[in-house]
Protein backbone atom coordinates (compact mmCIF):
# COMPACT_ATOMS: atom_id res chain seq x y z
CA UNK A 1 -19.57 17.02 -3.04
CA UNK A 2 -16.33 18.47 -1.59
CA UNK A 3 -15.24 17.23 1.90
CA UNK A 4 -15.75 19.57 4.85
CA UNK A 5 -13.25 22.41 4.89
CA UNK A 6 -12.34 22.09 1.19
CA UNK A 7 -13.69 24.48 -1.43
CA UNK A 8 -15.60 23.00 -4.35
CA UNK A 9 -13.17 24.60 -6.77
CA UNK A 10 -10.02 23.17 -5.13
CA UNK A 11 -11.67 19.74 -4.76
CA UNK A 12 -12.54 19.71 -8.48
CA UNK A 13 -8.98 20.69 -9.35
CA UNK A 14 -7.52 17.93 -7.21
CA UNK A 15 -9.85 15.40 -8.86
CA UNK A 16 -8.81 16.59 -12.28
CA UNK A 17 -5.12 16.29 -11.39
CA UNK A 18 -5.75 12.75 -10.19
CA UNK A 19 -7.74 11.67 -13.12
CA UNK A 20 -5.62 13.27 -15.86
CA UNK A 21 -2.12 12.66 -14.44
CA UNK A 22 0.00 9.60 -14.79
CA UNK A 23 -1.08 6.23 -13.42
CA UNK A 24 0.53 4.14 -10.73
CA UNK A 25 1.62 0.83 -12.27
CA UNK A 26 0.70 -1.83 -9.70
CA UNK A 27 1.42 -5.55 -9.55
CA UNK A 28 -0.07 -8.00 -7.06
CA UNK A 29 1.83 -10.82 -5.35
CA UNK A 30 -0.60 -13.47 -4.17
CA UNK A 31 -4.00 -13.82 -5.90
CA UNK A 32 -5.97 -16.01 -3.51
CA UNK A 33 -8.41 -15.10 -0.76
CA UNK A 34 -8.39 -11.40 0.05
CA UNK A 35 -6.65 -10.43 -3.24
CA UNK A 36 -9.97 -10.20 -5.08
CA UNK A 37 -10.94 -7.27 -2.87
CA UNK A 38 -7.64 -5.62 -3.70
CA UNK A 39 -8.04 -6.25 -7.45
CA UNK A 40 -11.55 -4.88 -7.57
CA UNK A 41 -10.68 -1.83 -5.53
CA UNK A 42 -7.53 -0.93 -7.41
CA UNK A 43 -9.08 -1.58 -10.83
CA UNK A 44 -11.72 1.09 -10.04
CA UNK A 45 -9.13 3.79 -9.36
CA UNK A 46 -8.62 6.00 -12.48
CA UNK A 47 -5.00 6.67 -11.55
CA UNK A 48 -3.98 2.99 -11.16
CA UNK A 49 -2.97 0.50 -13.87
CA UNK A 50 -2.83 -3.17 -12.98
CA UNK A 51 0.22 -4.40 -14.87
CA UNK A 52 1.09 -7.91 -13.51
CA UNK A 53 0.23 -10.60 -10.96
CA UNK A 54 2.15 -13.39 -9.34
CA UNK A 55 1.07 -16.62 -7.62
CA UNK A 56 2.39 -20.17 -7.34
CA UNK A 57 -0.95 -21.71 -8.41
CA UNK A 58 -1.18 -21.27 -12.15
CA UNK A 59 -4.91 -22.00 -12.48
CA UNK A 60 -5.77 -19.37 -9.87
CA UNK A 61 -3.33 -16.94 -11.49
CA UNK A 62 -4.86 -17.48 -14.96
CA UNK A 63 -8.38 -16.89 -13.60
CA UNK A 64 -7.36 -13.61 -11.95
CA UNK A 65 -5.58 -12.48 -15.11
CA UNK A 66 -8.63 -13.15 -17.26
CA UNK A 67 -11.04 -11.52 -14.76
CA UNK A 68 -9.03 -8.29 -14.48
CA UNK A 69 -7.46 -8.13 -17.95
CA UNK A 70 -3.85 -8.73 -16.75
CA UNK A 71 -1.68 -10.48 -19.34
CA UNK A 72 1.68 -10.49 -17.53
CA UNK A 73 1.35 -13.41 -15.12
CA UNK A 74 4.24 -14.94 -13.12
CA UNK A 75 4.93 -17.70 -10.66
CA UNK A 76 8.21 -16.06 -9.58
CA UNK A 77 7.93 -12.57 -8.11
CA UNK A 78 11.62 -11.81 -8.56
CA UNK A 79 11.26 -12.39 -12.27
CA UNK A 80 8.17 -10.25 -12.34
CA UNK A 81 9.91 -7.39 -10.57
CA UNK A 82 12.85 -7.55 -13.04
CA UNK A 83 10.75 -7.70 -16.17
CA UNK A 84 7.75 -5.50 -15.32
CA UNK A 85 9.37 -3.01 -12.91
CA UNK A 86 6.06 -2.02 -11.26
CA UNK A 87 5.92 1.22 -9.34
CA UNK A 88 3.69 -0.28 -6.66
CA UNK A 89 3.35 -3.82 -5.36
CA UNK A 90 0.40 -5.08 -3.35
CA UNK A 91 1.34 -8.14 -1.25
CA UNK A 92 -1.60 -10.49 -0.54
CA UNK A 93 0.27 -13.73 0.25
CA UNK A 94 0.04 -15.85 3.36
CA UNK A 95 1.74 -14.16 6.33
CA UNK A 96 4.99 -16.07 6.00
CA UNK A 97 5.70 -14.53 2.61
CA UNK A 98 4.93 -10.90 3.51
CA UNK A 99 8.49 -10.02 4.48
CA UNK A 100 10.42 -11.60 1.58
CA UNK A 101 7.95 -10.41 -1.03
CA UNK A 102 7.90 -6.87 0.44
CA UNK A 103 11.69 -6.59 0.81
CA UNK A 104 12.31 -7.79 -2.73
CA UNK A 105 9.74 -5.35 -4.10
CA UNK A 106 11.17 -2.40 -2.16
CA UNK A 107 14.69 -3.30 -3.32
CA UNK A 108 13.30 -3.49 -6.84
CA UNK A 109 12.22 0.14 -6.59
CA UNK A 110 8.48 -0.33 -5.87
CA UNK A 111 6.27 1.16 -3.18
CA UNK A 112 4.52 -1.58 -1.19
CA UNK A 113 1.18 -2.24 0.44
CA UNK A 114 1.30 -5.45 2.51
CA UNK A 115 -1.69 -7.16 4.03
CA UNK A 116 -1.96 -7.56 7.77
CA UNK A 117 -0.28 -8.72 9.91
CA UNK A 118 2.84 -6.97 8.60
CA UNK A 119 5.04 -10.06 8.97
CA UNK A 120 5.70 -13.06 11.19
CA UNK A 121 8.06 -11.39 13.66
CA UNK A 122 9.17 -7.90 14.69
CA UNK A 123 12.61 -8.64 13.25
CA UNK A 124 11.01 -9.19 9.80
CA UNK A 125 9.05 -5.94 10.19
CA UNK A 126 12.19 -4.00 10.92
CA UNK A 127 13.92 -5.45 7.85
CA UNK A 128 10.97 -4.32 5.77
CA UNK A 129 11.11 -0.79 7.23
CA UNK A 130 14.88 -0.63 6.67
CA UNK A 131 14.43 -1.64 3.03
CA UNK A 132 11.76 1.07 2.52
CA UNK A 133 14.06 3.70 4.01
CA UNK A 134 17.11 2.56 2.09
CA UNK A 135 15.27 2.72 -1.20
CA UNK A 136 13.18 5.85 -0.47
CA UNK A 137 9.90 3.93 -0.99
CA UNK A 138 6.50 4.03 0.73
CA UNK A 139 5.54 1.03 2.88
CA UNK A 140 1.94 0.69 4.10
CA UNK A 141 0.25 -2.04 6.16
CA UNK A 142 -3.32 -3.18 5.44
CA UNK A 143 -4.91 -1.88 8.65
CA UNK A 144 -8.26 -0.89 7.13
CA UNK A 145 -9.96 -0.40 10.48
CA UNK A 146 -7.90 2.73 11.05
CA UNK A 147 -10.06 4.16 8.29
CA UNK A 148 -13.40 3.07 9.82
CA UNK A 149 -15.71 5.95 10.65
CA UNK A 150 -15.91 4.85 14.28
CA UNK A 151 -12.15 4.79 14.61
CA UNK A 152 -11.81 8.24 13.02
CA UNK A 153 -14.51 9.66 15.31
CA UNK A 154 -12.76 8.35 18.43
CA UNK A 155 -9.34 9.47 17.24
CA UNK A 156 -10.76 13.00 16.77
CA UNK A 157 -12.20 12.85 20.29
CA UNK A 158 -8.78 11.88 21.57
CA UNK A 159 -7.19 14.80 19.74
CA UNK A 160 -9.69 17.17 21.35
CA UNK A 161 -8.65 15.93 24.76
CA UNK A 162 -11.84 14.10 25.64
CA UNK A 163 -10.12 11.11 27.23
CA UNK A 164 -7.16 12.75 28.97
CA UNK A 165 -4.56 10.22 30.05
CA UNK A 166 -5.61 6.74 28.88
CA UNK A 167 -5.28 4.08 31.58
CA UNK A 168 -6.97 0.96 30.29
CA UNK A 169 -8.29 -0.50 27.02
CA UNK A 170 -10.06 -3.83 26.53
CA UNK A 171 -10.14 -5.29 23.00
CA UNK A 172 -12.24 -8.21 21.73
CA UNK A 173 -12.18 -10.01 18.41
CA UNK A 174 -14.26 -13.05 19.25
CA UNK A 175 -15.99 -15.60 17.04
CA UNK A 176 -18.28 -18.19 18.52
CA UNK A 177 -17.57 -20.59 15.61
CA UNK A 178 -15.50 -19.14 12.79
CA UNK A 179 -12.49 -21.28 11.99
CA UNK A 180 -11.57 -20.53 8.36
CA UNK A 181 -12.18 -23.57 6.14
CA UNK A 182 -10.03 -22.20 3.27
CA UNK A 183 -6.44 -21.11 2.82
CA UNK A 184 -3.72 -21.81 5.36
CA UNK A 185 -5.18 -19.99 8.38
CA UNK A 186 -4.80 -23.08 10.58
CA UNK A 187 -1.06 -23.63 9.80
CA UNK A 188 1.15 -21.92 12.34
CA UNK A 189 4.35 -22.30 10.27
CA UNK A 190 2.77 -20.31 7.42
CA UNK A 191 0.61 -17.85 9.41
CA UNK A 192 2.43 -17.34 12.67
CA UNK A 193 -0.62 -18.08 14.75
CA UNK A 194 -4.41 -18.20 14.81
CA UNK A 195 -7.08 -15.70 15.83
CA UNK A 196 -4.66 -13.38 17.74
CA UNK A 197 -2.57 -12.67 14.65
CA UNK A 198 -5.39 -12.98 12.12
CA UNK A 199 -8.35 -11.04 13.54
CA UNK A 200 -7.12 -9.86 16.96
CA UNK A 201 -4.58 -7.78 15.03
CA UNK A 202 -7.35 -5.52 13.67
CA UNK A 203 -8.97 -4.65 16.99
CA UNK A 204 -5.53 -4.36 18.63
CA UNK A 205 -4.19 -1.95 16.05
CA UNK A 206 -7.24 0.33 15.90
CA UNK A 207 -7.39 0.49 19.74
CA UNK A 208 -3.67 1.23 19.92
CA UNK A 209 -4.12 3.97 17.31
CA UNK A 210 -6.99 5.60 19.27
CA UNK A 211 -4.84 5.37 22.50
CA UNK A 212 -2.30 7.55 20.75
CA UNK A 213 0.16 4.74 19.83
CA UNK A 214 2.10 4.45 23.13
CA UNK A 215 5.25 2.32 23.19
CA UNK A 216 4.65 -1.25 24.48
CA UNK A 217 7.17 -2.47 27.05
CA UNK A 218 5.85 -5.87 28.28
CA UNK A 219 3.27 -8.54 27.50
CA UNK A 220 1.67 -11.57 29.12
CA UNK A 221 -0.85 -14.05 27.81
CA UNK A 222 -1.99 -17.54 27.16
CA UNK A 223 -3.38 -19.56 24.26
CA UNK A 224 -5.54 -22.67 24.06
CA UNK A 225 -6.32 -25.17 21.29
CA UNK A 226 -9.31 -27.40 22.12
CA UNK A 227 -11.58 -27.70 19.05
CA UNK A 228 -9.77 -26.71 15.87
CA UNK A 229 -7.58 -29.76 15.84
CA UNK A 230 -10.54 -32.13 16.09
CA UNK A 231 -13.33 -33.09 13.62
CA UNK A 232 -16.69 -31.51 14.42
CA UNK A 233 -20.29 -32.20 13.43
CA UNK A 234 -21.63 -28.98 14.98
CA UNK A 235 -23.47 -26.85 12.37
CA UNK A 236 -21.69 -23.57 11.57
CA UNK A 237 -21.27 -21.10 8.72
CA UNK A 238 -17.75 -22.40 8.01
CA UNK A 239 -17.80 -26.20 8.57
CA UNK A 240 -15.32 -28.84 7.65
CA UNK A 241 -12.07 -27.01 8.30
CA UNK A 242 -8.89 -29.03 7.94
CA UNK A 243 -8.42 -30.20 11.49
CA UNK A 244 -5.54 -32.53 10.55
CA UNK A 245 -3.24 -29.58 9.65
CA UNK A 246 -4.57 -27.25 12.41
CA UNK A 247 -1.69 -26.10 14.59
CA UNK A 248 -2.84 -22.65 15.76
CA UNK A 249 -4.77 -21.58 18.81
CA UNK A 250 -8.59 -21.43 19.14
CA UNK A 251 -8.50 -18.76 21.90
CA UNK A 252 -5.81 -16.25 22.90
CA UNK A 253 -5.91 -13.84 25.82
CA UNK A 254 -3.20 -11.20 26.26
CA UNK A 255 -2.22 -8.11 28.23
CA UNK A 256 0.20 -5.42 27.14
CA UNK A 257 1.80 -2.82 29.32
CA UNK A 258 2.95 0.53 27.88
CA UNK A 259 5.71 2.98 28.68
CA UNK A 260 3.17 5.52 29.85
CA UNK A 261 1.62 3.12 32.35
CA UNK A 262 -1.46 2.19 30.33
CA UNK A 263 -2.68 -1.38 30.11
CA UNK A 264 -4.35 -3.06 27.12
CA UNK A 265 -6.11 -6.42 27.22
CA UNK A 266 -6.89 -8.39 24.08
CA UNK A 267 -9.20 -11.40 23.56
CA UNK A 268 -9.30 -13.21 20.26
CA UNK A 269 -10.97 -16.48 19.21
CA UNK A 270 -11.81 -18.52 16.18
CA UNK A 271 -14.07 -20.66 18.38
CA UNK A 272 -15.30 -19.93 21.91
CA UNK A 273 -18.41 -20.75 23.93
CA UNK A 274 -19.86 -17.26 24.02
CA UNK A 275 -23.30 -15.87 23.22
CA UNK A 276 -22.36 -14.21 19.96
CA UNK A 277 -19.46 -12.77 17.95
CA UNK A 278 -17.89 -9.63 19.42
CA UNK A 279 -15.81 -7.00 17.58
CA UNK A 280 -15.14 -4.06 19.85
CA UNK A 281 -12.89 -2.21 22.19
CA UNK A 282 -13.59 -0.13 25.36
CA UNK A 283 -11.28 2.64 26.53
CA UNK A 284 -11.01 4.28 29.97
CA UNK A 285 -9.19 7.59 30.54
CA UNK A 286 -8.90 10.06 33.32
CA UNK A 287 -11.29 12.56 31.71
CA UNK A 288 -13.45 10.25 29.61
CA UNK A 289 -13.89 6.89 27.96
CA UNK A 290 -15.45 5.34 24.88
CA UNK A 291 -16.64 2.28 23.02
CA UNK A 292 -16.00 1.53 19.35
CA UNK A 293 -19.31 -0.30 18.74
CA UNK A 294 -21.46 1.65 19.07
CA UNK A 295 -19.15 4.69 18.76
CA UNK A 296 -19.75 6.65 21.88
CA UNK A 297 -17.86 8.87 24.33
CA UNK A 298 -18.51 8.89 28.09
CA UNK A 299 -17.47 11.96 30.06
CA UNK A 300 -18.60 14.64 32.55
CA UNK A 301 -20.19 17.92 31.37
CA UNK A 302 -22.26 20.59 33.08
CA UNK A 303 -21.82 18.78 36.42
CA UNK A 304 -23.41 15.64 34.98
CA UNK A 305 -22.27 12.27 33.64
CA UNK A 306 -22.91 12.48 29.88
CA UNK A 307 -22.73 10.13 26.93
CA UNK A 308 -22.65 11.28 23.34
CA UNK A 309 -22.53 9.63 19.92
CA UNK A 310 -22.28 10.93 16.37
CA UNK A 311 -25.50 11.18 14.43
CA UNK A 312 -23.64 10.34 11.21
CA UNK A 313 -20.32 8.62 10.76
CA UNK A 314 -20.22 7.50 7.10
CA UNK A 315 -19.80 4.24 5.29
CA UNK A 316 -18.05 1.57 7.40
CA UNK A 317 -18.63 -1.33 4.99
CA UNK A 318 -15.81 -3.69 4.06
CA UNK A 319 -15.71 -2.29 0.52
CA UNK A 320 -15.50 1.30 1.76
CA UNK A 321 -12.66 0.43 4.15
CA UNK A 322 -10.62 -1.11 1.30
CA UNK A 323 -11.22 1.92 -0.88
CA UNK A 324 -10.00 4.16 1.96
CA UNK A 325 -6.83 2.19 2.81
CA UNK A 326 -5.81 1.57 -0.84
CA UNK A 327 -6.65 5.16 -1.79
CA UNK A 328 -4.40 6.40 0.99
CA UNK A 329 -1.56 4.19 -0.25
CA UNK A 330 -1.97 5.34 -3.85
CA UNK A 331 -2.18 8.95 -2.78
CA UNK A 332 1.08 8.54 -0.83
CA UNK A 333 2.82 6.93 -3.81
CA UNK A 334 1.59 9.33 -6.51
CA UNK A 335 1.04 12.60 -4.62
CA UNK A 336 3.34 12.18 -1.57
CA UNK A 337 0.44 12.36 0.88
CA UNK A 338 1.01 10.99 4.44
CA UNK A 339 0.42 7.28 5.09
CA UNK A 340 -2.10 6.66 7.81
CA UNK A 341 -0.87 3.06 8.42
CA UNK A 342 2.90 3.12 7.74
CA UNK A 343 5.36 0.30 8.41
CA UNK A 344 6.27 1.70 11.79
CA UNK A 345 2.69 1.16 12.97
CA UNK A 346 2.87 -2.41 11.72
CA UNK A 347 6.05 -2.98 13.73
CA UNK A 348 4.50 -1.70 16.97
CA UNK A 349 1.50 -3.98 16.54
CA UNK A 350 3.74 -6.94 15.67
CA UNK A 351 5.75 -6.43 18.85
CA UNK A 352 2.54 -6.72 20.86
CA UNK A 353 1.39 -9.84 19.06
CA UNK A 354 4.79 -11.41 19.35
CA UNK A 355 4.90 -10.52 23.05
CA UNK A 356 1.63 -12.29 23.78
CA UNK A 357 2.74 -15.43 21.91
CA UNK A 358 6.17 -15.43 23.60
CA UNK A 359 4.56 -15.05 26.98
CA UNK A 360 2.20 -17.96 26.27
CA UNK A 361 5.17 -20.13 25.37
CA UNK A 362 7.25 -19.04 28.37
CA UNK A 363 4.44 -19.06 30.96
CA UNK A 364 5.41 -15.61 32.27
CA UNK A 365 5.40 -11.94 31.36
CA UNK A 366 8.02 -11.02 28.73
CA UNK A 367 9.66 -7.76 27.91
CA UNK A 368 9.09 -5.97 24.62
CA UNK A 369 12.24 -4.22 23.39
């Protein structure tokens, strides 16, 4: 079925062009954790060819190669880039390697999709953007929640003027007990932080997007570590995390001020004594407000306070979000369509994350340049 506003004939023609045209030759750097979602999604696209993969762990690399039929496997991404010359590179490494892998890939002539957060620091993000511009390549950040039906509904309401001037947003990415017991999520030197940079980033970026992406100018915040660095016998879905190498926060609370006067507050936790997990944001504007979960708009109509929600929003599953974000990247690379989550968006979000962490370290509000 053709999307709304597109004729069946033109939609069929576009599909034919996609399916019968050339394929985007894609390589992946990093094959642990989230990469399987990337592999599965990209492998299903008829206009993508998976041509190579790179990872330091050879056993994991071999397993991914066998599962997805990839014969060109490397432990050195620079060698892979020289020999394979992929047109697109999907970076799924730990956070600390996002910038070097992305910059090398861009300088090698490839378009890049990098997982969130974009990098470890705003300076790294800027270097990535500069490399993309210098080489005329596309750079996307893995902000899949921009593609969520609830986010798209609220962004459309914003565009129709339902909120007016936005004054305040409260974001929450809270787990009662959800410290990752795999990967390097608890190692600050490799990840840059804990729940704020790992899961808070998602709610922060989709709320900032719905706000209209105002420029952040200052941040304040605090972080606490009180359980992750200790052994625990409390039953949970993810027990037995590596408390001995745990150097990130359990709970982070931040506030960001914007150039237009708006305020955003962000709460993020891997572990917190709360009733249940929360994944949401609330927005307050001069003309109206909203919540993300459930997606709803609150405003005044016909001399009454009114609330309204969509009767249908579409598929917001994890699989569907990955299809949407990777499809957008491939469409930008092959068909020059606009990126919904470009590197510049990643830089703005990184400045806010960095501001909260810097404020926590300094014990005062800090400026965001």
